[in-house]
Amino acid sequence: MHMSDHDSDDVGAVSRRRFTGGAVAIVASALCPVIAPGEDKRNPSVGTDIGLKPEDLSVADWNEVRARYSNLLRVYGKRLSLEEKRKSVDILTTNQHMLASIRSFVVQNGDVSACTLRVYGPQQPSDADKKV
């Protein structure tokens, strides 16, 4: 398909940030095995079931949590107790909530970071001086 075949509204509907997050979740879930090494292959649901998706997370965010959890089990599965695995799901879910709120901000390529140090000379008024 050519660009002329698409609606102009469809082109702006997917942001780079949303596309990248979805692509990372899909690739991670495809590359990570469902059963972590060392787990009982006869009962694959032991330790891999992370429960139901929270209502305030999107499907893409929940898939990202599941992909991160699968990777965690792949790397550390043998060493984690059942309680540590449950705690890991809570931590990953909390982190995903924070990431979702940060990703919701619209940022343009030319926008300066909020953490950038701005040095003003003696002639340039600061933002606080402009408001008075």
Protein backbone atom coordinates (compact mmCIF):
# COMPACT_ATOMS: atom_id res chain seq x y z
CA MET A 1 0.00 0.00 0.00
CA HIS A 2 1.08 3.52 -0.67
CA MET A 3 0.74 6.42 1.70
CA SER A 4 -2.06 7.76 -0.47
CA ASP A 5 -4.10 4.62 0.31
CA HIS A 6 -4.22 5.50 4.02
CA ASP A 7 -6.43 8.03 5.69
CA SER A 8 -4.51 11.00 7.07
CA ASP A 9 -6.12 10.32 10.48
CA ASP A 10 -4.72 6.78 10.55
CA VAL A 11 -1.13 7.96 10.09
CA GLY A 12 -1.23 10.09 13.25
CA ALA A 13 -3.12 7.51 15.30
CA VAL A 14 -0.01 5.45 16.12
CA SER A 15 2.81 7.27 17.85
CA ARG A 16 6.40 6.09 17.76
CA ARG A 17 6.29 5.54 21.51
CA ARG A 18 3.13 3.40 21.35
CA PHE A 19 4.47 1.44 18.36
CA THR A 20 7.80 0.77 20.07
CA GLY A 21 6.15 -0.37 23.30
CA GLY A 22 3.90 -2.77 21.41
CA ALA A 23 6.75 -4.05 19.27
CA VAL A 24 8.95 -4.68 22.32
CA ALA A 25 6.16 -6.59 24.06
CA ILE A 26 5.49 -8.74 20.98
CA VAL A 27 9.15 -9.51 20.36
CA ALA A 28 9.83 -10.25 24.02
CA SER A 29 6.85 -12.57 24.30
CA ALA A 30 7.88 -14.36 21.11
CA LEU A 31 11.48 -14.85 22.24
CA CYS A 32 10.82 -15.78 25.86
CA PRO A 33 9.82 -19.35 26.58
CA VAL A 34 6.59 -19.93 28.45
CA ILE A 35 8.27 -22.38 30.82
CA ALA A 36 11.35 -21.10 32.58
CA PRO A 37 14.33 -23.46 32.75
CA GLY A 38 14.15 -25.72 35.77
CA GLU A 39 10.37 -25.58 36.13
CA ASP A 40 8.25 -28.69 36.01
CA LYS A 41 7.27 -29.18 32.36
CA ARG A 42 4.33 -31.42 33.34
CA ASN A 43 2.65 -28.50 35.13
CA PRO A 44 3.66 -25.36 33.20
CA SER A 45 1.21 -23.11 35.07
CA VAL A 46 3.20 -23.39 38.31
CA GLY A 47 4.81 -19.96 38.81
CA THR A 48 3.95 -18.64 35.34
CA ASP A 49 0.33 -17.64 36.00
CA ILE A 50 0.38 -13.96 36.94
CA GLY A 51 -3.35 -13.58 37.44
CA LEU A 52 -5.94 -11.39 35.80
CA LYS A 53 -5.22 -8.13 34.02
CA PRO A 54 -5.87 -5.09 36.24
CA GLU A 55 -8.73 -2.96 34.92
CA ASP A 56 -6.59 0.19 34.75
CA LEU A 57 -3.96 -1.37 32.46
CA SER A 58 -4.38 -1.65 28.71
CA VAL A 59 -3.93 -4.97 26.95
CA ALA A 60 -0.60 -3.80 25.50
CA ASP A 61 0.64 -2.75 28.95
CA TRP A 62 -0.45 -6.08 30.44
CA ASN A 63 1.33 -7.95 27.63
CA GLU A 64 4.46 -5.99 28.45
CA VAL A 65 4.16 -7.00 32.13
CA ARG A 66 3.74 -10.63 31.09
CA ALA A 67 6.76 -10.43 28.77
CA ARG A 68 8.92 -8.92 31.51
CA TYR A 69 7.72 -11.56 33.97
CA SER A 70 8.51 -14.36 31.50
CA ASN A 71 12.00 -12.96 31.08
CA LEU A 72 12.39 -12.73 34.86
CA LEU A 73 11.44 -16.40 35.17
CA ARG A 74 13.80 -17.33 32.37
CA VAL A 75 16.73 -15.70 34.11
CA TYR A 76 15.96 -16.21 37.82
CA GLY A 77 13.17 -18.81 37.84
CA LYS A 78 15.09 -21.51 39.74
CA ARG A 79 16.14 -19.12 42.48
CA LEU A 80 12.77 -17.47 43.22
CA SER A 81 10.26 -18.75 45.72
CA LEU A 82 6.53 -18.60 45.01
CA GLU A 83 6.19 -15.55 47.27
CA GLU A 84 9.05 -13.77 45.46
CA LYS A 85 7.37 -14.50 42.13
CA ARG A 86 4.10 -12.98 43.39
CA LYS A 87 5.95 -9.93 44.68
CA SER A 88 7.69 -9.59 41.31
CA VAL A 89 4.31 -9.45 39.54
CA ASP A 90 3.21 -6.68 41.92
CA ILE A 91 6.41 -4.72 41.28
CA LEU A 92 6.20 -5.16 37.50
CA THR A 93 2.55 -4.08 37.50
CA THR A 94 3.33 -0.98 39.59
CA ASN A 95 6.22 -0.09 37.29
CA GLN A 96 3.98 -0.51 34.25
CA HIS A 97 1.43 1.90 35.76
CA MET A 98 4.22 4.47 36.15
CA LEU A 99 5.48 3.87 32.62
CA ALA A 100 1.96 4.24 31.21
CA SER A 101 1.51 7.59 32.93
CA ILE A 102 4.88 8.84 31.67
CA ARG A 103 4.25 7.59 28.13
CA SER A 104 0.96 9.49 28.00
CA PHE A 105 2.77 12.85 27.80
CA VAL A 106 3.00 14.24 24.29
CA VAL A 107 6.60 15.17 23.52
CA GLN A 108 7.89 16.62 20.29
CA ASN A 109 11.43 16.06 18.99
CA GLY A 110 12.41 19.68 19.65
CA ASP A 111 11.19 19.77 23.26
CA VAL A 112 13.87 20.27 25.87
CA SER A 113 14.07 17.84 28.76
CA ALA A 114 12.58 19.04 32.06
CA CYS A 115 15.85 18.03 33.72
CA THR A 116 18.00 20.27 31.53
CA LEU A 117 20.06 22.85 33.39
CA ARG A 118 19.26 26.32 32.10
CA VAL A 119 21.95 28.88 32.83
CA TYR A 120 20.91 32.53 32.54
CA GLY A 121 23.30 35.42 32.25
CA PRO A 122 22.96 38.54 34.42
CA GLN A 123 20.92 40.32 31.70
CA GLN A 124 18.37 37.54 31.13
CA PRO A 125 15.46 37.40 33.58
CA SER A 126 14.42 34.02 34.94
CA ASP A 127 10.90 32.64 34.55
CA ALA A 128 10.03 33.70 38.12
CA ASP A 129 10.98 37.32 37.36
CA LYS A 130 8.75 37.34 34.27
CA LYS A 131 5.65 36.37 36.26
CA VAL A 132 5.92 39.26 38.71
